[in-house]
PDB file of N, CA and C in Angstrom:
ATOM      1  N   MET A   1     -59.930 -55.825  45.860  1.00  0.00           N
ATOM      2  CA  MET A   1     -60.450 -54.461  45.088  1.00  0.00           C
ATOM      3  C   MET A   1     -61.234 -53.756  46.183  1.00  0.00           C
ATOM      4  N   VAL A   2     -61.059 -52.844  46.238  1.00  0.00           N
ATOM      5  CA  VAL A   2     -61.706 -51.649  47.325  1.00  0.00           C
ATOM      6  C   VAL A   2     -63.074 -51.463  46.895  1.00  0.00           C
ATOM      7  N   ASN A   3     -64.359 -51.516  47.680  1.00  0.00           N
ATOM      8  CA  ASN A   3     -65.941 -51.178  47.258  1.00  0.00           C
ATOM      9  C   ASN A   3     -66.246 -52.063  45.932  1.00  0.00           C
ATOM     10  N   SER A   4     -65.907 -53.298  46.224  1.00  0.00           N
ATOM     11  CA  SER A   4     -66.205 -54.583  44.943  1.00  0.00           C
ATOM     12  C   SER A   4     -67.293 -55.164  45.945  1.00  0.00           C
ATOM     13  N   ASN A   5     -67.984 -55.637  45.142  1.00  0.00           N
ATOM     14  CA  ASN A   5     -69.182 -56.874  45.803  1.00  0.00           C
ATOM     15  C   ASN A   5     -69.346 -57.703  44.594  1.00  0.00           C
ATOM     16  N   TYR A   6     -68.704 -58.716  44.847  1.00  0.00           N
ATOM     17  CA  TYR A   6     -68.722 -59.907  44.153  1.00  0.00           C
ATOM     18  C   TYR A   6     -70.070 -60.941  44.438  1.00  0.00           C
ATOM     19  N   TYR A   7     -70.847 -60.326  45.561  1.00  0.00           N
ATOM     20  CA  TYR A   7     -71.961 -61.059  45.606  1.00  0.00           C
ATOM     21  C   TYR A   7     -73.058 -61.223  44.290  1.00  0.00           C
ATOM     22  N   ALA A   8     -73.194 -60.259  43.807  1.00  0.00           N
ATOM     23  CA  ALA A   8     -74.239 -59.924  42.897  1.00  0.00           C
ATOM     24  C   ALA A   8     -73.810 -60.856  41.496  1.00  0.00           C
ATOM     25  N   MET A   9     -72.375 -61.461  41.409  1.00  0.00           N
ATOM     26  CA  MET A   9     -71.995 -62.287  40.302  1.00  0.00           C
ATOM     27  C   MET A   9     -72.561 -63.569  40.196  1.00  0.00           C
ATOM     28  N   ASP A  10     -73.079 -64.136  41.166  1.00  0.00           N
ATOM     29  CA  ASP A  10     -73.846 -65.618  41.164  1.00  0.00           C
ATOM     30  C   ASP A  10     -75.075 -65.291  40.461  1.00  0.00           C
ATOM     31  N   LEU A  11     -75.590 -64.339  40.364  1.00  0.00           N
ATOM     32  CA  LEU A  11     -76.861 -64.440  39.406  1.00  0.00           C
ATOM     33  C   LEU A  11     -76.773 -64.375  38.294  1.00  0.00           C
ATOM     34  N   LEU A  12     -75.472 -64.327  37.573  1.00  0.00           N
ATOM     35  CA  LEU A  12     -75.187 -63.993  36.345  1.00  0.00           C
ATOM     36  C   LEU A  12     -74.970 -65.639  35.532  1.00  0.00           C
ATOM     37  N   TYR A  13     -74.940 -66.483  36.061  1.00  0.00           N
ATOM     38  CA  TYR A  13     -74.373 -67.785  35.558  1.00  0.00           C
ATOM     39  C   TYR A  13     -75.452 -68.759  36.130  1.00  0.00           C
ATOM     40  N   VAL A  14     -76.274 -68.578  37.328  1.00  0.00           N
ATOM     41  CA  VAL A  14     -77.100 -69.706  38.005  1.00  0.00           C
ATOM     42  C   VAL A  14     -78.025 -69.155  38.511  1.00  0.00           C
ATOM     43  N   LEU A  15     -79.203 -70.023  38.484  1.00  0.00           N
ATOM     44  CA  LEU A  15     -80.212 -69.299  39.256  1.00  0.00           C
ATOM     45  C   LEU A  15     -80.018 -69.514  40.738  1.00  0.00           C
ATOM     46  N   PRO A  16     -80.749 -68.468  41.508  1.00  0.00           N
ATOM     47  CA  PRO A  16     -80.641 -68.054  42.716  1.00  0.00           C
ATOM     48  C   PRO A  16     -80.839 -69.403  43.711  1.00  0.00           C
ATOM     49  N   THR A  17     -80.283 -69.502  44.754  1.00  0.00           N
ATOM     50  CA  THR A  17     -80.333 -70.548  45.496  1.00  0.00           C
ATOM     51  C   THR A  17     -80.184 -69.914  47.120  1.00  0.00           C
ATOM     52  N   HIS A  18     -81.151 -70.274  48.059  1.00  0.00           N
ATOM     53  CA  HIS A  18     -81.282 -70.270  49.300  1.00  0.00           C
ATOM     54  C   HIS A  18     -79.841 -70.542  50.447  1.00  0.00           C
ATOM     55  N   ILE A  19     -79.424 -71.744  49.549  1.00  0.00           N
ATOM     56  CA  ILE A  19     -78.220 -72.144  50.325  1.00  0.00           C
ATOM     57  C   ILE A  19     -76.935 -71.533  50.579  1.00  0.00           C
ATOM     58  N   GLN A  20     -76.468 -70.736  51.140  1.00  0.00           N
ATOM     59  CA  GLN A  20     -75.335 -69.948  51.678  1.00  0.00           C
ATOM     60  C   GLN A  20     -73.842 -70.353  50.708  1.00  0.00           C
ATOM     61  N   ALA A  21     -73.850 -71.630  51.158  1.00  0.00           N
ATOM     62  CA  ALA A  21     -72.584 -72.417  50.555  1.00  0.00           C
ATOM     63  C   ALA A  21     -72.504 -72.459  49.150  1.00  0.00           C
ATOM     64  N   ALA A  22     -73.430 -72.425  48.493  1.00  0.00           N
ATOM     65  CA  ALA A  22     -74.131 -72.924  47.081  1.00  0.00           C
ATOM     66  C   ALA A  22     -73.716 -71.222  46.786  1.00  0.00           C
ATOM     67  N   ARG A  23     -73.994 -70.186  47.095  1.00  0.00           N
ATOM     68  CA  ARG A  23     -74.180 -68.928  46.545  1.00  0.00           C
ATOM     69  C   ARG A  23     -72.516 -68.630  46.850  1.00  0.00           C
ATOM     70  N   ALA A  24     -71.842 -68.831  47.658  1.00  0.00           N
ATOM     71  CA  ALA A  24     -70.770 -68.549  47.916  1.00  0.00           C
ATOM     72  C   ALA A  24     -69.324 -69.210  46.926  1.00  0.00           C
ATOM     73  N   GLY A  25     -70.000 -70.418  46.637  1.00  0.00           N
ATOM     74  CA  GLY A  25     -69.473 -71.538  45.539  1.00  0.00           C
ATOM     75  C   GLY A  25     -69.591 -70.930  44.051  1.00  0.00           C
ATOM     76  N   ASN A  26     -70.421 -70.231  44.169  1.00  0.00           N
ATOM     77  CA  ASN A  26     -70.874 -70.160  42.522  1.00  0.00           C
ATOM     78  C   ASN A  26     -70.408 -68.719  42.634  1.00  0.00           C
ATOM     79  N   ALA A  27     -70.136 -67.665  43.474  1.00  0.00           N
ATOM     80  CA  ALA A  27     -69.620 -66.585  43.354  1.00  0.00           C
ATOM     81  C   ALA A  27     -68.075 -66.833  43.139  1.00  0.00           C
ATOM     82  N   ILE A  28     -67.202 -67.623  43.977  1.00  0.00           N
ATOM     83  CA  ILE A  28     -66.148 -68.142  43.382  1.00  0.00           C
ATOM     84  C   ILE A  28     -65.682 -68.887  42.240  1.00  0.00           C
ATOM     85  N   HIS A  29     -66.853 -69.542  41.880  1.00  0.00           N
ATOM     86  CA  HIS A  29     -66.534 -70.182  40.633  1.00  0.00           C
ATOM     87  C   HIS A  29     -66.885 -69.153  39.404  1.00  0.00           C
ATOM     88  N   ALA A  30     -67.380 -68.104  39.634  1.00  0.00           N
ATOM     89  CA  ALA A  30     -67.760 -67.237  38.586  1.00  0.00           C
ATOM     90  C   ALA A  30     -66.468 -66.082  38.598  1.00  0.00           C
ATOM     91  N   ILE A  31     -65.640 -65.905  39.532  1.00  0.00           N
ATOM     92  CA  ILE A  31     -64.471 -65.066  39.924  1.00  0.00           C
ATOM     93  C   ILE A  31     -63.208 -65.692  38.966  1.00  0.00           C
ATOM     94  N   LEU A  32     -63.064 -67.112  39.308  1.00  0.00           N
ATOM     95  CA  LEU A  32     -62.127 -67.938  39.080  1.00  0.00           C
ATOM     96  C   LEU A  32     -62.107 -67.897  37.270  1.00  0.00           C
ATOM     97  N   LEU A  33     -63.402 -68.167  36.639  1.00  0.00           N
ATOM     98  CA  LEU A  33     -63.688 -67.963  35.104  1.00  0.00           C
ATOM     99  C   LEU A  33     -63.143 -66.628  34.802  1.00  0.00           C
ATOM    100  N   TYR A  34     -63.479 -65.797  35.286  1.00  0.00           N
ATOM    101  CA  TYR A  34     -63.203 -64.526  34.737  1.00  0.00           C
ATOM    102  C   TYR A  34     -61.468 -64.169  35.030  1.00  0.00           C
ATOM    103  N   ARG A  35     -61.185 -64.684  35.900  1.00  0.00           N
ATOM    104  CA  ARG A  35     -59.742 -64.913  36.168  1.00  0.00           C
ATOM    105  C   ARG A  35     -58.784 -65.327  34.959  1.00  0.00           C
ATOM    106  N   ARG A  36     -59.748 -66.477  34.758  1.00  0.00           N
ATOM    107  CA  ARG A  36     -58.833 -67.781  33.465  1.00  0.00           C
ATOM    108  C   ARG A  36     -59.173 -66.453  32.215  1.00  0.00           C
ATOM    109  N   LYS A  37     -60.102 -66.035  32.124  1.00  0.00           N
ATOM    110  CA  LYS A  37     -60.441 -65.313  30.710  1.00  0.00           C
ATOM    111  C   LYS A  37     -59.388 -64.241  30.914  1.00  0.00           C
ATOM    112  N   LEU A  38     -59.355 -63.592  32.042  1.00  0.00           N
ATOM    113  CA  LEU A  38     -57.823 -62.483  31.999  1.00  0.00           C
ATOM    114  C   LEU A  38     -56.562 -62.805  31.621  1.00  0.00           C
ATOM    115  N   ASP A  39     -56.402 -64.178  32.168  1.00  0.00           N
ATOM    116  CA  ASP A  39     -54.999 -64.356  32.070  1.00  0.00           C
ATOM    117  C   ASP A  39     -54.836 -64.796  30.738  1.00  0.00           C
ATOM    118  N   ARG A  40     -55.615 -65.333  30.108  1.00  0.00           N
ATOM    119  CA  ARG A  40     -55.543 -65.765  28.800  1.00  0.00           C
ATOM    120  C   ARG A  40     -55.834 -64.391  27.756  1.00  0.00           C
ATOM    121  N   GLU A  41     -55.872 -63.442  28.023  1.00  0.00           N
ATOM    122  CA  GLU A  41     -56.328 -61.908  27.505  1.00  0.00           C
ATOM    123  C   GLU A  41     -57.551 -62.284  26.450  1.00  0.00           C
ATOM    124  N   GLU A  42     -58.734 -62.729  27.158  1.00  0.00           N
ATOM    125  CA  GLU A  42     -59.743 -62.984  26.357  1.00  0.00           C
ATOM    126  C   GLU A  42     -60.858 -61.913  26.490  1.00  0.00           C
ATOM    127  N   ILE A  43     -60.470 -61.259  27.614  1.00  0.00           N
ATOM    128  CA  ILE A  43     -61.477 -59.724  27.532  1.00  0.00           C
ATOM    129  C   ILE A  43     -61.098 -58.893  26.556  1.00  0.00           C
ATOM    130  N   LYS A  44     -62.360 -58.463  26.162  1.00  0.00           N
ATOM    131  CA  LYS A  44     -62.403 -57.473  25.293  1.00  0.00           C
ATOM    132  C   LYS A  44     -61.978 -56.009  26.050  1.00  0.00           C
ATOM    133  N   PRO A  45     -61.548 -54.912  25.581  1.00  0.00           N
ATOM    134  CA  PRO A  45     -61.448 -53.583  26.156  1.00  0.00           C
ATOM    135  C   PRO A  45     -62.816 -53.001  26.347  1.00  0.00           C
ATOM    136  N   ILE A  46     -62.918 -52.449  27.196  1.00  0.00           N
ATOM    137  CA  ILE A  46     -64.211 -51.445  27.617  1.00  0.00           C
ATOM    138  C   ILE A  46     -64.247 -50.459  27.028  1.00  0.00           C
ATOM    139  N   ARG A  47     -65.508 -49.849  25.823  1.00  0.00           N
ATOM    140  CA  ARG A  47     -65.322 -48.440  25.251  1.00  0.00           C
ATOM    141  C   ARG A  47     -66.200 -47.606  25.903  1.00  0.00           C
ATOM    142  N   LEU A  48     -66.163 -46.488  25.432  1.00  0.00           N
ATOM    143  CA  LEU A  48     -67.036 -45.271  26.433  1.00  0.00           C
ATOM    144  C   LEU A  48     -68.155 -45.046  25.591  1.00  0.00           C
ATOM    145  N   LEU A  49     -69.268 -45.573  25.961  1.00  0.00           N
ATOM    146  CA  LEU A  49     -70.412 -45.537  25.377  1.00  0.00           C
ATOM    147  C   LEU A  49     -70.734 -45.607  24.045  1.00  0.00           C
ATOM    148  N   GLY A  50     -69.708 -47.314  23.485  1.00  0.00           N
ATOM    149  CA  GLY A  50     -70.167 -47.612  22.451  1.00  0.00           C
ATOM    150  C   GLY A  50     -68.967 -46.937  21.393  1.00  0.00           C
ATOM    151  N   SER A  51     -67.994 -46.259  21.799  1.00  0.00           N
ATOM    152  CA  SER A  51     -67.577 -45.404  20.899  1.00  0.00           C
ATOM    153  C   SER A  51     -65.812 -46.319  20.589  1.00  0.00           C
ATOM    154  N   THR A  52     -65.014 -45.714  19.776  1.00  0.00           N
ATOM    155  CA  THR A  52     -64.031 -46.149  19.588  1.00  0.00           C
ATOM    156  C   THR A  52     -62.697 -46.287  20.309  1.00  0.00           C
ATOM    157  N   ILE A  53     -63.115 -45.606  21.755  1.00  0.00           N
ATOM    158  CA  ILE A  53     -61.903 -45.073  22.548  1.00  0.00           C
ATOM    159  C   ILE A  53     -61.992 -45.830  23.256  1.00  0.00           C
ATOM    160  N   PRO A  54     -61.192 -47.091  23.933  1.00  0.00           N
ATOM    161  CA  PRO A  54     -61.282 -47.773  25.051  1.00  0.00           C
ATOM    162  C   PRO A  54     -60.728 -47.269  26.093  1.00  0.00           C
ATOM    163  N   LEU A  55     -61.398 -47.770  27.280  1.00  0.00           N
ATOM    164  CA  LEU A  55     -60.843 -47.711  28.789  1.00  0.00           C
ATOM    165  C   LEU A  55     -59.439 -48.183  28.840  1.00  0.00           C
ATOM    166  N   CYS A  56     -58.869 -47.654  29.945  1.00  0.00           N
ATOM    167  CA  CYS A  56     -57.587 -48.285  29.980  1.00  0.00           C
ATOM    168  C   CYS A  56     -57.711 -49.643  31.045  1.00  0.00           C
ATOM    169  N   SER A  57     -57.426 -50.436  30.765  1.00  0.00           N
ATOM    170  CA  SER A  57     -57.224 -51.948  31.328  1.00  0.00           C
ATOM    171  C   SER A  57     -56.213 -52.112  32.649  1.00  0.00           C
ATOM    172  N   ALA A  58     -55.274 -51.186  32.866  1.00  0.00           N
ATOM    173  CA  ALA A  58     -54.478 -51.693  33.801  1.00  0.00           C
ATOM    174  C   ALA A  58     -54.423 -51.848  34.656  1.00  0.00           C
ATOM    175  N   GLN A  59     -55.690 -51.657  35.568  1.00  0.00           N
ATOM    176  CA  GLN A  59     -56.253 -51.809  37.061  1.00  0.00           C
ATOM    177  C   GLN A  59     -56.571 -53.526  36.537  1.00  0.00           C
ATOM    178  N   TRP A  60     -56.788 -53.943  35.832  1.00  0.00           N
ATOM    179  CA  TRP A  60     -57.239 -55.629  36.055  1.00  0.00           C
ATOM    180  C   TRP A  60     -55.772 -56.270  36.447  1.00  0.00           C
ATOM    181  N   GLU A  61     -54.784 -55.686  36.287  1.00  0.00           N
ATOM    182  CA  GLU A  61     -53.417 -56.792  36.625  1.00  0.00           C
ATOM    183  C   GLU A  61     -53.354 -56.808  38.268  1.00  0.00           C
ATOM    184  N   ARG A  62     -53.874 -55.911  39.001  1.00  0.00           N
ATOM    185  CA  ARG A  62     -53.823 -55.724  40.153  1.00  0.00           C
ATOM    186  C   ARG A  62     -55.129 -56.541  40.818  1.00  0.00           C
ATOM    187  N   MET A  63     -55.907 -56.766  40.081  1.00  0.00           N
ATOM    188  CA  MET A  63     -57.446 -57.532  40.915  1.00  0.00           C
ATOM    189  C   MET A  63     -57.074 -58.595  41.307  1.00  0.00           C
ATOM    190  N   PHE A  64     -56.299 -59.667  40.970  1.00  0.00           N
ATOM    191  CA  PHE A  64     -55.610 -60.978  41.418  1.00  0.00           C
ATOM    192  C   PHE A  64     -54.408 -60.627  42.333  1.00  0.00           C
ATOM    193  N   ASN A  65     -53.650 -61.588  43.048  1.00  0.00           N
ATOM    194  CA  ASN A  65     -52.740 -61.617  43.752  1.00  0.00           C
ATOM    195  C   ASN A  65     -52.074 -60.633  44.104  1.00  0.00           C
ATOM    196  N   THR A  66     -52.781 -59.483  44.665  1.00  0.00           N
ATOM    197  CA  THR A  66     -52.208 -58.392  45.218  1.00  0.00           C
ATOM    198  C   THR A  66     -52.715 -58.282  46.492  1.00  0.00           C
ATOM    199  N   SER A  67     -51.986 -57.709  47.544  1.00  0.00           N
ATOM    200  CA  SER A  67     -52.530 -57.455  48.769  1.00  0.00           C
ATOM    201  C   SER A  67     -52.335 -56.251  49.479  1.00  0.00           C
ATOM    202  N   ARG A  68     -53.180 -55.666  50.094  1.00  0.00           N
ATOM    203  CA  ARG A  68     -52.420 -54.281  50.709  1.00  0.00           C
ATOM    204  C   ARG A  68     -52.404 -54.020  51.743  1.00  0.00           C
ATOM    205  N   ILE A  69     -50.854 -53.565  52.284  1.00  0.00           N
ATOM    206  CA  ILE A  69     -50.570 -53.628  53.574  1.00  0.00           C
ATOM    207  C   ILE A  69     -50.776 -52.397  54.179  1.00  0.00           C
ATOM    208  N   PRO A  70     -51.855 -52.674  55.119  1.00  0.00           N
ATOM    209  CA  PRO A  70     -52.190 -50.937  56.054  1.00  0.00           C
ATOM    210  C   PRO A  70     -51.113 -50.145  56.343  1.00  0.00           C
ATOM    211  N   GLY A  71     -50.809 -48.787  56.221  1.00  0.00           N
ATOM    212  CA  GLY A  71     -50.241 -48.042  56.837  1.00  0.00           C
ATOM    213  C   GLY A  71     -50.852 -46.913  57.377  1.00  0.00           C
ATOM    214  N   GLU A  72     -50.007 -46.225  58.319  1.00  0.00           N
ATOM    215  CA  GLU A  72     -50.948 -45.160  58.953  1.00  0.00           C
ATOM    216  C   GLU A  72     -51.323 -43.651  58.286  1.00  0.00           C
ATOM    217  N   GLU A  73     -50.406 -43.470  56.872  1.00  0.00           N
ATOM    218  CA  GLU A  73     -51.159 -42.656  55.906  1.00  0.00           C
ATOM    219  C   GLU A  73     -51.482 -43.370  54.856  1.00  0.00           C
ATOM    220  N   THR A  74     -50.804 -44.181  54.143  1.00  0.00           N
ATOM    221  CA  THR A  74     -51.109 -44.887  52.905  1.00  0.00           C
ATOM    222  C   THR A  74     -50.831 -46.289  53.024  1.00  0.00           C
ATOM    223  N   ASP A  75     -51.560 -47.220  52.386  1.00  0.00           N
ATOM    224  CA  ASP A  75     -51.272 -48.457  52.121  1.00  0.00           C
ATOM    225  C   ASP A  75     -50.351 -48.580  51.323  1.00  0.00           C
ATOM    226  N   ASP A  76     -49.927 -49.957  51.610  1.00  0.00           N
ATOM    227  CA  ASP A  76     -48.567 -50.165  50.364  1.00  0.00           C
ATOM    228  C   ASP A  76     -49.131 -51.689  49.606  1.00  0.00           C
ATOM    229  N   LEU A  77     -48.885 -51.715  48.417  1.00  0.00           N
ATOM    230  CA  LEU A  77     -49.080 -52.656  47.448  1.00  0.00           C
ATOM    231  C   LEU A  77     -47.377 -53.572  47.425  1.00  0.00           C
ATOM    232  N   PRO A  78     -47.385 -54.836  48.041  1.00  0.00           N
ATOM    233  CA  PRO A  78     -46.266 -55.329  47.458  1.00  0.00           C
ATOM    234  C   PRO A  78     -46.105 -55.841  46.250  1.00  0.00           C
TER     235      PRO A  78
END
């Protein structure tokens, strides 16, 4: 995903450490846990400021297993 910062995810599940490999492992683990929830459709729709109107979740299907191929004018998604 463009402009995504996965670095902050390791603070959600474990206490911070100064060991860089441990922080990377924690971030990867958190991302894979999230992917499992997406695959099992366990993620609830995000709603606008507590309203009953859910936001579109179509972007989640491209979060994993997608590559961008750079082009001169635009990128392609295979």
